[in-house]
Amino acid sequence: MQPLKTLNDMIIFLQQRRNRKRVAVVCANDASTRYAVEKGNEMGFIEPIYVDGDDRDECARRAVAMVRNGEADILMKGLINTDVLLRAILNKDTGILRPGRVLTHIAMAEIPKYEKVLFFTDAAVIPVPTYEQRRQQIDYVNYVCHALGIVEPRIALIHCAEKVSEKTFPYTKDYIKIIAEAQTGRFGRCIIDGPLDLKTSLDAVSLREKGIHSVIDGQADALIFPDIVAGNVFYKTLTLFAYTKTAGVLQGTTAPCVVSSRSDSPDSKFYSLALAAI
């Protein structure tokens, strides 16, 4: 698979692959979810299974059970509160979180003037990642990048500056440990560096003007944000002001889950389905 340059490249790839994925859609009572699902069905890469009813909790449990039992390949949120669906996903006895793994959100963005798609985590699930949670976030984002044809993803560990500040920002000390692990091959084939700020991660000119050397070289494929606030603000700034197309999936589960915000556009939900299908 060639590295994707745009979100629409996913659609082309999926149409060429000709493999429909079964999607359990929970409470698809809103127009944007219906649009995304019907368009995915029309394009030939998903087969929707609608799980509707008056009892939202029961709908969530039924849809999760379908994924758990192998009757659906993807789970998708419709007009249902995220916490209701997450309760079903995370249930220790009947949920679909893989043993020993954490749940996290991977976003994919097609940003005007950036030469390739950009991935980042976590804008939706983990408030302040621990060292172990951050390691798993890197595992997931590396996996997703490889699945989309990026052979050696460049992964930037984001901070507001390029210096470790253990007292004020203790997570930057973890960055050094993560980079050391990456050099041993712990995360597989990828390049990891940090701390880097957003501009030095994504712009080689800014990197050089600051006199910084980084193996990322201002060409990051993925960003690991320090906490959910930074990730969420970045996500919403992109979509509100930068005319960015986005997709997103939950990882850590036995099957990909599309848990879009009510404010996400119909196209964002459609592209999220495509990402999940890949």
C-alpha atoms as a PDB file:
ATOM      1  CA  MET A   1       0.000   0.000   0.000  1.00  0.00           C
ATOM      2  CA  GLN A   2       1.331   3.431  -0.958  1.00  0.00           C
ATOM      3  CA  PRO A   3       1.312   6.121   1.766  1.00  0.00           C
ATOM      4  CA  LEU A   4      -1.917   8.095   1.656  1.00  0.00           C
ATOM      5  CA  LYS A   5      -1.738  11.818   0.931  1.00  0.00           C
ATOM      6  CA  THR A   6      -5.415  12.652   1.433  1.00  0.00           C
ATOM      7  CA  LEU A   7      -8.407  11.210   3.244  1.00  0.00           C
ATOM      8  CA  ASN A   8     -10.062  10.496  -0.086  1.00  0.00           C
ATOM      9  CA  ASP A   9      -7.165   8.164  -0.897  1.00  0.00           C
ATOM     10  CA  MET A  10      -8.662   5.845   1.721  1.00  0.00           C
ATOM     11  CA  ILE A  11     -11.883   5.630  -0.265  1.00  0.00           C
ATOM     12  CA  ILE A  12     -10.032   4.796  -3.470  1.00  0.00           C
ATOM     13  CA  PHE A  13      -8.029   2.106  -1.669  1.00  0.00           C
ATOM     14  CA  LEU A  14     -11.148   0.574  -0.093  1.00  0.00           C
ATOM     15  CA  GLN A  15     -13.041   0.514  -3.378  1.00  0.00           C
ATOM     16  CA  GLN A  16     -10.117  -1.256  -5.026  1.00  0.00           C
ATOM     17  CA  ARG A  17      -9.897  -3.766  -2.179  1.00  0.00           C
ATOM     18  CA  ARG A  18     -13.616  -4.675  -2.477  1.00  0.00           C
ATOM     19  CA  ASN A  19     -14.048  -5.950   1.059  1.00  0.00           C
ATOM     20  CA  ARG A  20     -17.124  -4.812   2.952  1.00  0.00           C
ATOM     21  CA  LYS A  21     -16.825  -4.515   6.739  1.00  0.00           C
ATOM     22  CA  ARG A  22     -19.892  -5.082   8.912  1.00  0.00           C
ATOM     23  CA  VAL A  23     -20.645  -2.019  11.057  1.00  0.00           C
ATOM     24  CA  ALA A  24     -22.835  -2.152  14.163  1.00  0.00           C
ATOM     25  CA  VAL A  25     -24.302   1.363  14.251  1.00  0.00           C
ATOM     26  CA  VAL A  26     -25.750   2.319  17.636  1.00  0.00           C
ATOM     27  CA  CYS A  27     -28.818   4.574  17.535  1.00  0.00           C
ATOM     28  CA  ALA A  28     -28.369   5.996  14.032  1.00  0.00           C
ATOM     29  CA  ASN A  29     -31.164   8.528  14.547  1.00  0.00           C
ATOM     30  CA  ASP A  30     -29.258  11.613  13.413  1.00  0.00           C
ATOM     31  CA  ALA A  31     -28.787  12.829   9.858  1.00  0.00           C
ATOM     32  CA  SER A  32     -24.967  12.996   9.962  1.00  0.00           C
ATOM     33  CA  THR A  33     -24.551   9.387  11.092  1.00  0.00           C
ATOM     34  CA  ARG A  34     -27.070   8.191   8.500  1.00  0.00           C
ATOM     35  CA  TYR A  35     -25.243  10.157   5.807  1.00  0.00           C
ATOM     36  CA  ALA A  36     -21.870   8.626   6.708  1.00  0.00           C
ATOM     37  CA  VAL A  37     -23.187   5.086   6.909  1.00  0.00           C
ATOM     38  CA  GLU A  38     -25.278   5.253   3.752  1.00  0.00           C
ATOM     39  CA  LYS A  39     -22.402   6.804   1.809  1.00  0.00           C
ATOM     40  CA  GLY A  40     -20.006   4.106   3.034  1.00  0.00           C
ATOM     41  CA  ASN A  41     -22.505   1.447   2.010  1.00  0.00           C
ATOM     42  CA  GLU A  42     -22.973   3.081  -1.388  1.00  0.00           C
ATOM     43  CA  MET A  43     -19.193   3.263  -1.897  1.00  0.00           C
ATOM     44  CA  GLY A  44     -18.993  -0.456  -1.205  1.00  0.00           C
ATOM     45  CA  PHE A  45     -16.708  -0.685   1.807  1.00  0.00           C
ATOM     46  CA  ILE A  46     -19.173  -1.225   4.674  1.00  0.00           C
ATOM     47  CA  GLU A  47     -22.381  -3.103   5.387  1.00  0.00           C
ATOM     48  CA  PRO A  48     -24.416  -1.355   8.108  1.00  0.00           C
ATOM     49  CA  ILE A  49     -26.246  -3.184  10.869  1.00  0.00           C
ATOM     50  CA  TYR A  50     -28.548  -0.744  12.647  1.00  0.00           C
ATOM     51  CA  VAL A  51     -28.988  -1.261  16.384  1.00  0.00           C
ATOM     52  CA  ASP A  52     -31.837   1.024  17.416  1.00  0.00           C
ATOM     53  CA  GLY A  53     -34.370   1.208  20.214  1.00  0.00           C
ATOM     54  CA  ASP A  54     -35.697   3.342  23.045  1.00  0.00           C
ATOM     55  CA  ASP A  55     -33.288   1.984  25.669  1.00  0.00           C
ATOM     56  CA  ARG A  56     -29.889   3.477  24.827  1.00  0.00           C
ATOM     57  CA  ASP A  57     -28.010   1.304  27.326  1.00  0.00           C
ATOM     58  CA  GLU A  58     -29.500  -1.839  25.859  1.00  0.00           C
ATOM     59  CA  CYS A  59     -28.658  -0.715  22.317  1.00  0.00           C
ATOM     60  CA  ALA A  60     -25.059  -0.129  23.354  1.00  0.00           C
ATOM     61  CA  ARG A  61     -24.812  -3.554  24.999  1.00  0.00           C
ATOM     62  CA  ARG A  62     -26.319  -5.290  21.963  1.00  0.00           C
ATOM     63  CA  ALA A  63     -23.961  -3.576  19.521  1.00  0.00           C
ATOM     64  CA  VAL A  64     -20.888  -4.318  21.643  1.00  0.00           C
ATOM     65  CA  ALA A  65     -22.025  -7.948  21.947  1.00  0.00           C
ATOM     66  CA  MET A  66     -22.192  -8.175  18.151  1.00  0.00           C
ATOM     67  CA  VAL A  67     -18.574  -7.081  17.891  1.00  0.00           C
ATOM     68  CA  ARG A  68     -17.522  -9.372  20.739  1.00  0.00           C
ATOM     69  CA  ASN A  69     -19.248 -12.352  19.099  1.00  0.00           C
ATOM     70  CA  GLY A  70     -17.760 -11.719  15.674  1.00  0.00           C
ATOM     71  CA  GLU A  71     -21.031 -10.575  14.094  1.00  0.00           C
ATOM     72  CA  ALA A  72     -19.672  -7.072  13.333  1.00  0.00           C
ATOM     73  CA  ASP A  73     -16.215  -5.787  12.426  1.00  0.00           C
ATOM     74  CA  ILE A  74     -16.633  -2.136  13.466  1.00  0.00           C
ATOM     75  CA  LEU A  75     -18.626  -0.327  16.156  1.00  0.00           C
ATOM     76  CA  MET A  76     -20.048   3.124  15.397  1.00  0.00           C
ATOM     77  CA  LYS A  77     -21.712   5.665  17.665  1.00  0.00           C
ATOM     78  CA  GLY A  78     -24.848   7.425  16.501  1.00  0.00           C
ATOM     79  CA  LEU A  79     -27.169   9.624  18.579  1.00  0.00           C
ATOM     80  CA  ILE A  80     -26.162   8.223  21.951  1.00  0.00           C
ATOM     81  CA  ASN A  81     -24.151   9.744  24.775  1.00  0.00           C
ATOM     82  CA  THR A  82     -20.499   8.745  24.577  1.00  0.00           C
ATOM     83  CA  ASP A  83     -20.387   7.710  28.246  1.00  0.00           C
ATOM     84  CA  VAL A  84     -23.237   5.251  27.680  1.00  0.00           C
ATOM     85  CA  LEU A  85     -21.416   3.560  24.822  1.00  0.00           C
ATOM     86  CA  LEU A  86     -18.085   3.594  26.653  1.00  0.00           C
ATOM     87  CA  ARG A  87     -19.651   1.808  29.636  1.00  0.00           C
ATOM     88  CA  ALA A  88     -20.590  -1.040  27.328  1.00  0.00           C
ATOM     89  CA  ILE A  89     -17.206  -1.045  25.592  1.00  0.00           C
ATOM     90  CA  LEU A  90     -15.284  -1.077  28.894  1.00  0.00           C
ATOM     91  CA  ASN A  91     -17.449  -3.579  30.795  1.00  0.00           C
ATOM     92  CA  LYS A  92     -15.009  -6.088  32.299  1.00  0.00           C
ATOM     93  CA  ASP A  93     -17.233  -9.075  31.578  1.00  0.00           C
ATOM     94  CA  THR A  94     -18.984  -8.210  28.315  1.00  0.00           C
ATOM     95  CA  GLY A  95     -16.944  -5.379  26.790  1.00  0.00           C
ATOM     96  CA  ILE A  96     -14.387  -5.330  23.985  1.00  0.00           C
ATOM     97  CA  LEU A  97     -11.291  -3.743  25.543  1.00  0.00           C
ATOM     98  CA  ARG A  98      -8.324  -6.033  24.927  1.00  0.00           C
ATOM     99  CA  PRO A  99      -6.808  -7.446  28.142  1.00  0.00           C
ATOM    100  CA  GLY A 100      -3.944  -5.341  29.430  1.00  0.00           C
ATOM    101  CA  ARG A 101      -4.555  -2.525  26.954  1.00  0.00           C
ATOM    102  CA  VAL A 102      -5.777   1.057  27.357  1.00  0.00           C
ATOM    103  CA  LEU A 103      -8.458   2.818  25.362  1.00  0.00           C
ATOM    104  CA  THR A 104      -7.244   5.827  23.386  1.00  0.00           C
ATOM    105  CA  HIS A 105      -8.305   7.981  20.451  1.00  0.00           C
ATOM    106  CA  ILE A 106      -6.337   8.335  17.215  1.00  0.00           C
ATOM    107  CA  ALA A 107      -7.207  11.299  14.983  1.00  0.00           C
ATOM    108  CA  MET A 108      -6.237  11.666  11.327  1.00  0.00           C
ATOM    109  CA  ALA A 109      -6.154  15.083   9.656  1.00  0.00           C
ATOM    110  CA  GLU A 110      -5.777  16.387   6.117  1.00  0.00           C
ATOM    111  CA  ILE A 111      -4.511  19.914   6.718  1.00  0.00           C
ATOM    112  CA  PRO A 112      -4.250  22.495   3.927  1.00  0.00           C
ATOM    113  CA  LYS A 113      -0.597  23.258   3.113  1.00  0.00           C
ATOM    114  CA  TYR A 114       0.761  20.216   4.986  1.00  0.00           C
ATOM    115  CA  GLU A 115       2.178  17.736   2.497  1.00  0.00           C
ATOM    116  CA  LYS A 116       0.719  14.580   4.026  1.00  0.00           C
ATOM    117  CA  VAL A 117      -1.951  13.387   6.400  1.00  0.00           C
ATOM    118  CA  LEU A 118      -1.173  13.869  10.077  1.00  0.00           C
ATOM    119  CA  PHE A 119      -2.108  11.592  12.987  1.00  0.00           C
ATOM    120  CA  PHE A 120      -2.338  12.605  16.630  1.00  0.00           C
ATOM    121  CA  THR A 121      -3.429  11.333  20.018  1.00  0.00           C
ATOM    122  CA  ASP A 122      -5.248  11.767  22.381  1.00  0.00           C
ATOM    123  CA  ALA A 123      -8.000  14.315  21.826  1.00  0.00           C
ATOM    124  CA  ALA A 124     -10.890  12.458  23.416  1.00  0.00           C
ATOM    125  CA  VAL A 125     -10.246   9.736  25.996  1.00  0.00           C
ATOM    126  CA  ILE A 126      -7.195   9.812  28.312  1.00  0.00           C
ATOM    127  CA  PRO A 127      -7.045  13.017  30.427  1.00  0.00           C
ATOM    128  CA  VAL A 128      -3.362  12.889  31.442  1.00  0.00           C
ATOM    129  CA  PRO A 129      -1.540   9.810  30.117  1.00  0.00           C
ATOM    130  CA  THR A 130       0.730   7.899  32.428  1.00  0.00           C
ATOM    131  CA  TYR A 131       4.085   6.653  31.170  1.00  0.00           C
ATOM    132  CA  GLU A 132       2.591   3.241  30.335  1.00  0.00           C
ATOM    133  CA  GLN A 133      -0.479   4.781  28.649  1.00  0.00           C
ATOM    134  CA  ARG A 134       1.762   6.993  26.529  1.00  0.00           C
ATOM    135  CA  ARG A 135       3.791   3.962  25.441  1.00  0.00           C
ATOM    136  CA  GLN A 136       0.597   2.261  24.323  1.00  0.00           C
ATOM    137  CA  GLN A 137      -0.514   5.405  22.501  1.00  0.00           C
ATOM    138  CA  ILE A 138       2.714   5.213  20.501  1.00  0.00           C
ATOM    139  CA  ASP A 139       2.091   1.532  19.769  1.00  0.00           C
ATOM    140  CA  TYR A 140      -1.370   2.335  18.427  1.00  0.00           C
ATOM    141  CA  VAL A 141      -0.422   5.343  16.347  1.00  0.00           C
ATOM    142  CA  ASN A 142       2.510   3.430  14.869  1.00  0.00           C
ATOM    143  CA  TYR A 143       0.181   0.548  14.013  1.00  0.00           C
ATOM    144  CA  VAL A 144      -2.333   2.865  12.326  1.00  0.00           C
ATOM    145  CA  CYS A 145       0.399   4.630  10.338  1.00  0.00           C
ATOM    146  CA  HIS A 146       1.754   1.289   9.106  1.00  0.00           C
ATOM    147  CA  ALA A 147      -1.773   0.177   8.158  1.00  0.00           C
ATOM    148  CA  LEU A 148      -2.028   3.281   5.952  1.00  0.00           C
ATOM    149  CA  GLY A 149       1.239   2.661   4.151  1.00  0.00           C
ATOM    150  CA  ILE A 150       3.671   4.761   6.201  1.00  0.00           C
ATOM    151  CA  VAL A 151       6.665   2.446   6.461  1.00  0.00           C
ATOM    152  CA  GLU A 152       8.655   4.381   9.085  1.00  0.00           C
ATOM    153  CA  PRO A 153       6.435   6.930  10.844  1.00  0.00           C
ATOM    154  CA  ARG A 154       8.034  10.017  12.351  1.00  0.00           C
ATOM    155  CA  ILE A 155       6.442  10.474  15.761  1.00  0.00           C
ATOM    156  CA  ALA A 156       6.906  13.733  17.688  1.00  0.00           C
ATOM    157  CA  LEU A 157       6.445  13.978  21.461  1.00  0.00           C
ATOM    158  CA  ILE A 158       4.815  17.386  21.923  1.00  0.00           C
ATOM    159  CA  HIS A 159       5.686  20.019  24.523  1.00  0.00           C
ATOM    160  CA  CYS A 160       5.605  23.838  24.529  1.00  0.00           C
ATOM    161  CA  ALA A 161       9.402  23.921  24.118  1.00  0.00           C
ATOM    162  CA  GLU A 162      12.273  21.673  23.144  1.00  0.00           C
ATOM    163  CA  LYS A 163      13.745  21.216  26.599  1.00  0.00           C
ATOM    164  CA  VAL A 164      13.070  18.672  29.321  1.00  0.00           C
ATOM    165  CA  SER A 165      11.657  20.442  32.372  1.00  0.00           C
ATOM    166  CA  GLU A 166      11.203  17.688  34.934  1.00  0.00           C
ATOM    167  CA  LYS A 167      10.007  19.915  37.783  1.00  0.00           C
ATOM    168  CA  THR A 168       7.376  21.923  35.885  1.00  0.00           C
ATOM    169  CA  PHE A 169       6.463  19.379  33.195  1.00  0.00           C
ATOM    170  CA  PRO A 170       7.337  15.933  34.598  1.00  0.00           C
ATOM    171  CA  TYR A 171       6.023  14.100  31.542  1.00  0.00           C
ATOM    172  CA  THR A 172       9.000  15.429  29.541  1.00  0.00           C
ATOM    173  CA  LYS A 173      11.263  13.131  31.577  1.00  0.00           C
ATOM    174  CA  ASP A 174       9.173  10.218  30.273  1.00  0.00           C
ATOM    175  CA  TYR A 175       9.851  11.440  26.735  1.00  0.00           C
ATOM    176  CA  ILE A 176      13.565  10.764  27.214  1.00  0.00           C
ATOM    177  CA  LYS A 177      12.834   7.233  28.447  1.00  0.00           C
ATOM    178  CA  ILE A 178      10.518   6.622  25.486  1.00  0.00           C
ATOM    179  CA  ILE A 179      13.149   7.778  22.978  1.00  0.00           C
ATOM    180  CA  ALA A 180      15.712   5.467  24.579  1.00  0.00           C
ATOM    181  CA  GLU A 181      13.263   2.566  24.262  1.00  0.00           C
ATOM    182  CA  ALA A 182      12.554   3.445  20.633  1.00  0.00           C
ATOM    183  CA  GLN A 183      16.264   3.222  19.874  1.00  0.00           C
ATOM    184  CA  THR A 184      16.240  -0.388  21.107  1.00  0.00           C
ATOM    185  CA  GLY A 185      13.387  -1.241  18.713  1.00  0.00           C
ATOM    186  CA  ARG A 186      10.726  -1.462  21.443  1.00  0.00           C
ATOM    187  CA  PHE A 187       8.083   0.277  19.285  1.00  0.00           C
ATOM    188  CA  GLY A 188       8.952  -1.389  15.999  1.00  0.00           C
ATOM    189  CA  ARG A 189       9.858   0.535  12.892  1.00  0.00           C
ATOM    190  CA  CYS A 190       9.396   4.246  13.592  1.00  0.00           C
ATOM    191  CA  ILE A 191      11.366   7.393  14.435  1.00  0.00           C
ATOM    192  CA  ILE A 192      10.574   9.115  17.737  1.00  0.00           C
ATOM    193  CA  ASP A 193      11.883  12.420  19.060  1.00  0.00           C
ATOM    194  CA  GLY A 194      10.980  15.078  21.599  1.00  0.00           C
ATOM    195  CA  PRO A 195      10.251  17.189  23.354  1.00  0.00           C
ATOM    196  CA  LEU A 196       9.359  19.274  20.312  1.00  0.00           C
ATOM    197  CA  ASP A 197       6.841  22.051  19.956  1.00  0.00           C
ATOM    198  CA  LEU A 198       4.182  21.970  17.274  1.00  0.00           C
ATOM    199  CA  LYS A 199       6.059  24.130  14.754  1.00  0.00           C
ATOM    200  CA  THR A 200       9.380  22.349  15.056  1.00  0.00           C
ATOM    201  CA  SER A 201       7.549  19.041  14.616  1.00  0.00           C
ATOM    202  CA  LEU A 202       5.837  20.106  11.404  1.00  0.00           C
ATOM    203  CA  ASP A 203       8.010  22.808   9.841  1.00  0.00           C
ATOM    204  CA  ALA A 204      11.668  22.229   8.933  1.00  0.00           C
ATOM    205  CA  VAL A 205      12.298  25.988   8.554  1.00  0.00           C
ATOM    206  CA  SER A 206      11.167  26.670  12.133  1.00  0.00           C
ATOM    207  CA  LEU A 207      13.349  23.801  13.339  1.00  0.00           C
ATOM    208  CA  ARG A 208      16.461  25.187  11.683  1.00  0.00           C
ATOM    209  CA  GLU A 209      15.760  28.793  12.653  1.00  0.00           C
ATOM    210  CA  LYS A 210      15.736  27.687  16.291  1.00  0.00           C
ATOM    211  CA  GLY A 211      19.027  25.865  15.783  1.00  0.00           C
ATOM    212  CA  ILE A 212      17.554  22.509  16.752  1.00  0.00           C
ATOM    213  CA  HIS A 213      18.571  19.151  15.340  1.00  0.00           C
ATOM    214  CA  SER A 214      15.894  16.472  15.262  1.00  0.00           C
ATOM    215  CA  VAL A 215      15.526  13.192  13.400  1.00  0.00           C
ATOM    216  CA  ILE A 216      11.901  14.220  12.811  1.00  0.00           C
ATOM    217  CA  ASP A 217      13.271  17.086  10.653  1.00  0.00           C
ATOM    218  CA  GLY A 218       9.998  19.035  10.733  1.00  0.00           C
ATOM    219  CA  GLN A 219       8.163  16.269   8.880  1.00  0.00           C
ATOM    220  CA  ALA A 220       6.166  14.483  11.579  1.00  0.00           C
ATOM    221  CA  ASP A 221       3.609  11.878  10.589  1.00  0.00           C
ATOM    222  CA  ALA A 222       2.157  11.698  14.093  1.00  0.00           C
ATOM    223  CA  LEU A 223       1.995  13.801  17.253  1.00  0.00           C
ATOM    224  CA  ILE A 224       1.728  12.516  20.816  1.00  0.00           C
ATOM    225  CA  PHE A 225       0.138  15.262  22.902  1.00  0.00           C
ATOM    226  CA  PRO A 226       0.943  15.634  26.605  1.00  0.00           C
ATOM    227  CA  ASP A 227      -2.718  15.597  27.668  1.00  0.00           C
ATOM    228  CA  ILE A 228      -6.303  15.645  26.424  1.00  0.00           C
ATOM    229  CA  VAL A 229      -6.568  19.450  26.680  1.00  0.00           C
ATOM    230  CA  ALA A 230      -3.746  20.041  24.207  1.00  0.00           C
ATOM    231  CA  GLY A 231      -4.995  17.334  21.857  1.00  0.00           C
ATOM    232  CA  ASN A 232      -8.610  18.487  21.959  1.00  0.00           C
ATOM    233  CA  VAL A 233      -7.776  22.170  21.437  1.00  0.00           C
ATOM    234  CA  PHE A 234      -5.549  21.242  18.473  1.00  0.00           C
ATOM    235  CA  TYR A 235      -8.300  19.081  16.958  1.00  0.00           C
ATOM    236  CA  LYS A 236     -10.995  21.724  17.287  1.00  0.00           C
ATOM    237  CA  THR A 237      -8.735  24.538  16.113  1.00  0.00           C
ATOM    238  CA  LEU A 238      -7.933  22.576  12.959  1.00  0.00           C
ATOM    239  CA  THR A 239     -11.571  21.910  12.157  1.00  0.00           C
ATOM    240  CA  LEU A 240     -12.868  25.383  13.049  1.00  0.00           C
ATOM    241  CA  PHE A 241     -10.211  27.653  11.563  1.00  0.00           C
ATOM    242  CA  ALA A 242      -8.016  25.611   9.207  1.00  0.00           C
ATOM    243  CA  TYR A 243     -10.657  23.907   7.038  1.00  0.00           C
ATOM    244  CA  THR A 244      -9.186  20.526   7.981  1.00  0.00           C
ATOM    245  CA  LYS A 245     -10.760  17.206   7.059  1.00  0.00           C
ATOM    246  CA  THR A 246     -10.586  14.704   9.901  1.00  0.00           C
ATOM    247  CA  ALA A 247     -11.204  11.093  10.829  1.00  0.00           C
ATOM    248  CA  GLY A 248     -10.846   9.276  14.119  1.00  0.00           C
ATOM    249  CA  VAL A 249     -11.042   5.856  15.738  1.00  0.00           C
ATOM    250  CA  LEU A 250     -10.723   4.352  19.193  1.00  0.00           C
ATOM    251  CA  GLN A 251      -7.897   1.869  19.619  1.00  0.00           C
ATOM    252  CA  GLY A 252      -7.263  -0.700  22.333  1.00  0.00           C
ATOM    253  CA  THR A 253     -10.475  -2.561  21.574  1.00  0.00           C
ATOM    254  CA  THR A 254     -10.801  -5.867  19.749  1.00  0.00           C
ATOM    255  CA  ALA A 255     -12.296  -3.980  16.793  1.00  0.00           C
ATOM    256  CA  PRO A 256     -12.031  -0.311  15.754  1.00  0.00           C
ATOM    257  CA  CYS A 257     -14.709   1.981  17.173  1.00  0.00           C
ATOM    258  CA  VAL A 258     -15.967   5.201  15.582  1.00  0.00           C
ATOM    259  CA  VAL A 259     -17.082   7.450  18.424  1.00  0.00           C
ATOM    260  CA  SER A 260     -17.468  10.836  16.768  1.00  0.00           C
ATOM    261  CA  SER A 261     -18.548  13.992  18.553  1.00  0.00           C
ATOM    262  CA  ARG A 262     -21.988  15.408  17.822  1.00  0.00           C
ATOM    263  CA  SER A 263     -20.205  18.489  16.465  1.00  0.00           C
ATOM    264  CA  ASP A 264     -18.166  16.480  13.948  1.00  0.00           C
ATOM    265  CA  SER A 265     -19.227  16.943  10.344  1.00  0.00           C
ATOM    266  CA  PRO A 266     -20.987  14.222   8.333  1.00  0.00           C
ATOM    267  CA  ASP A 267     -17.864  13.920   6.166  1.00  0.00           C
ATOM    268  CA  SER A 268     -15.691  13.447   9.253  1.00  0.00           C
ATOM    269  CA  LYS A 269     -17.906  10.538  10.323  1.00  0.00           C
ATOM    270  CA  PHE A 270     -17.722   9.094   6.814  1.00  0.00           C
ATOM    271  CA  TYR A 271     -13.929   9.288   6.731  1.00  0.00           C
ATOM    272  CA  SER A 272     -13.779   7.810  10.237  1.00  0.00           C
ATOM    273  CA  LEU A 273     -15.683   4.804   8.938  1.00  0.00           C
ATOM    274  CA  ALA A 274     -13.164   4.497   6.121  1.00  0.00           C
ATOM    275  CA  LEU A 275     -10.245   4.641   8.565  1.00  0.00           C
ATOM    276  CA  ALA A 276     -11.893   1.984  10.710  1.00  0.00           C
ATOM    277  CA  ALA A 277     -12.482  -0.205   7.644  1.00  0.00           C
ATOM    278  CA  ILE A 278      -8.771  -0.042   6.730  1.00  0.00           C
END
